[in-house]
Amino acid sequence: MSAELENNFKNIQIELNKGSIRVFDIMLDEGPAPVLIFSKTIKNRFPKPGELTEIIDQHYKARYSSEGK
């Protein structure tokens, strides 16, 4: 997954925070507060190939199209 994100987003920094519980949350840390973009707990599965790229693309499109208004 990290290779997919690094290939699709040139300025991305990926950080793994290991814990003692089985949590797999993907946070996009930009702006005033981090945004939860994927949670294994909520979806009850890991992300599919390409899914994180699609979610991040949708986030940026929504954010920057609303800033221009």
C-alpha atoms as a PDB file:
ATOM      1  CA  MET A   1       0.000   0.000   0.000  1.00  0.00           C
ATOM      2  CA  SER A   2       2.776   2.438   0.801  1.00  0.00           C
ATOM      3  CA  ALA A   3       4.355   1.860  -2.630  1.00  0.00           C
ATOM      4  CA  GLU A   4       1.032   2.648  -4.322  1.00  0.00           C
ATOM      5  CA  LEU A   5       0.708   5.908  -2.407  1.00  0.00           C
ATOM      6  CA  GLU A   6       4.346   6.908  -2.933  1.00  0.00           C
ATOM      7  CA  ASN A   7       3.972   6.298  -6.692  1.00  0.00           C
ATOM      8  CA  ASN A   8       0.767   8.327  -6.959  1.00  0.00           C
ATOM      9  CA  PHE A   9       1.559  11.187  -4.572  1.00  0.00           C
ATOM     10  CA  LYS A  10       5.075  12.580  -4.856  1.00  0.00           C
ATOM     11  CA  ASN A  11       5.052  14.695  -1.667  1.00  0.00           C
ATOM     12  CA  ILE A  12       3.539  12.081   0.626  1.00  0.00           C
ATOM     13  CA  GLN A  13       5.050  11.007   3.933  1.00  0.00           C
ATOM     14  CA  ILE A  14       3.897   7.668   5.291  1.00  0.00           C
ATOM     15  CA  GLU A  15       4.162   6.891   8.980  1.00  0.00           C
ATOM     16  CA  LEU A  16       3.372   3.602  10.699  1.00  0.00           C
ATOM     17  CA  ASN A  17       2.220   3.891  14.287  1.00  0.00           C
ATOM     18  CA  LYS A  18       2.387   0.461  15.864  1.00  0.00           C
ATOM     19  CA  GLY A  19       0.086  -0.268  18.754  1.00  0.00           C
ATOM     20  CA  SER A  20      -0.958  -3.237  20.796  1.00  0.00           C
ATOM     21  CA  ILE A  21      -4.477  -3.469  19.364  1.00  0.00           C
ATOM     22  CA  ARG A  22      -5.471  -4.460  15.848  1.00  0.00           C
ATOM     23  CA  VAL A  23      -6.385  -1.068  14.463  1.00  0.00           C
ATOM     24  CA  PHE A  24      -5.799  -0.173  10.825  1.00  0.00           C
ATOM     25  CA  ASP A  25      -6.802   3.455  10.281  1.00  0.00           C
ATOM     26  CA  ILE A  26      -5.525   5.659   7.478  1.00  0.00           C
ATOM     27  CA  MET A  27      -5.359   9.349   8.348  1.00  0.00           C
ATOM     28  CA  LEU A  28      -4.681  12.222   5.966  1.00  0.00           C
ATOM     29  CA  ASP A  29      -2.837  14.809   8.031  1.00  0.00           C
ATOM     30  CA  GLU A  30      -3.257  18.168   6.368  1.00  0.00           C
ATOM     31  CA  GLY A  31      -4.950  21.380   7.265  1.00  0.00           C
ATOM     32  CA  PRO A  32      -6.184  22.125  10.756  1.00  0.00           C
ATOM     33  CA  ALA A  33      -6.820  18.499  11.800  1.00  0.00           C
ATOM     34  CA  PRO A  34      -6.152  14.959  10.513  1.00  0.00           C
ATOM     35  CA  VAL A  35      -8.941  13.359   8.473  1.00  0.00           C
ATOM     36  CA  LEU A  36      -9.843   9.669   8.790  1.00  0.00           C
ATOM     37  CA  ILE A  37     -10.010   8.393   5.216  1.00  0.00           C
ATOM     38  CA  PHE A  38     -10.153   4.630   5.857  1.00  0.00           C
ATOM     39  CA  SER A  39     -10.846   2.474   8.897  1.00  0.00           C
ATOM     40  CA  LYS A  40     -10.650  -1.316   8.938  1.00  0.00           C
ATOM     41  CA  THR A  41     -12.868  -1.233  12.028  1.00  0.00           C
ATOM     42  CA  ILE A  42     -15.626   0.568  10.122  1.00  0.00           C
ATOM     43  CA  LYS A  43     -15.224  -1.256   6.786  1.00  0.00           C
ATOM     44  CA  ASN A  44     -14.374  -4.637   8.367  1.00  0.00           C
ATOM     45  CA  ARG A  45     -11.669  -5.158   5.725  1.00  0.00           C
ATOM     46  CA  PHE A  46      -8.365  -3.829   4.462  1.00  0.00           C
ATOM     47  CA  PRO A  47      -8.378  -1.369   1.538  1.00  0.00           C
ATOM     48  CA  LYS A  48      -8.533  -2.824  -1.948  1.00  0.00           C
ATOM     49  CA  PRO A  49      -5.706  -2.070  -4.420  1.00  0.00           C
ATOM     50  CA  GLY A  50      -6.113   1.510  -5.656  1.00  0.00           C
ATOM     51  CA  GLU A  51      -8.802   2.344  -3.104  1.00  0.00           C
ATOM     52  CA  LEU A  52      -6.679   4.677  -0.956  1.00  0.00           C
ATOM     53  CA  THR A  53      -5.494   6.573  -4.048  1.00  0.00           C
ATOM     54  CA  GLU A  54      -9.120   7.022  -5.131  1.00  0.00           C
ATOM     55  CA  ILE A  55     -10.201   8.204  -1.667  1.00  0.00           C
ATOM     56  CA  ILE A  56      -7.332  10.713  -1.435  1.00  0.00           C
ATOM     57  CA  ASP A  57      -8.049  11.999  -4.968  1.00  0.00           C
ATOM     58  CA  GLN A  58     -11.722  12.503  -4.057  1.00  0.00           C
ATOM     59  CA  HIS A  59     -10.736  14.304  -0.844  1.00  0.00           C
ATOM     60  CA  TYR A  60      -8.455  16.736  -2.673  1.00  0.00           C
ATOM     61  CA  LYS A  61     -10.975  17.370  -5.457  1.00  0.00           C
ATOM     62  CA  ALA A  62     -13.694  18.142  -2.906  1.00  0.00           C
ATOM     63  CA  ARG A  63     -11.430  20.307  -0.774  1.00  0.00           C
ATOM     64  CA  TYR A  64      -9.938  22.401  -3.552  1.00  0.00           C
ATOM     65  CA  SER A  65     -13.154  22.785  -5.528  1.00  0.00           C
ATOM     66  CA  SER A  66     -14.902  24.126  -2.394  1.00  0.00           C
ATOM     67  CA  GLU A  67     -12.014  26.519  -1.606  1.00  0.00           C
ATOM     68  CA  GLY A  68     -12.373  28.134  -5.021  1.00  0.00           C
ATOM     69  CA  LYS A  69     -16.019  29.045  -4.406  1.00  0.00           C
END
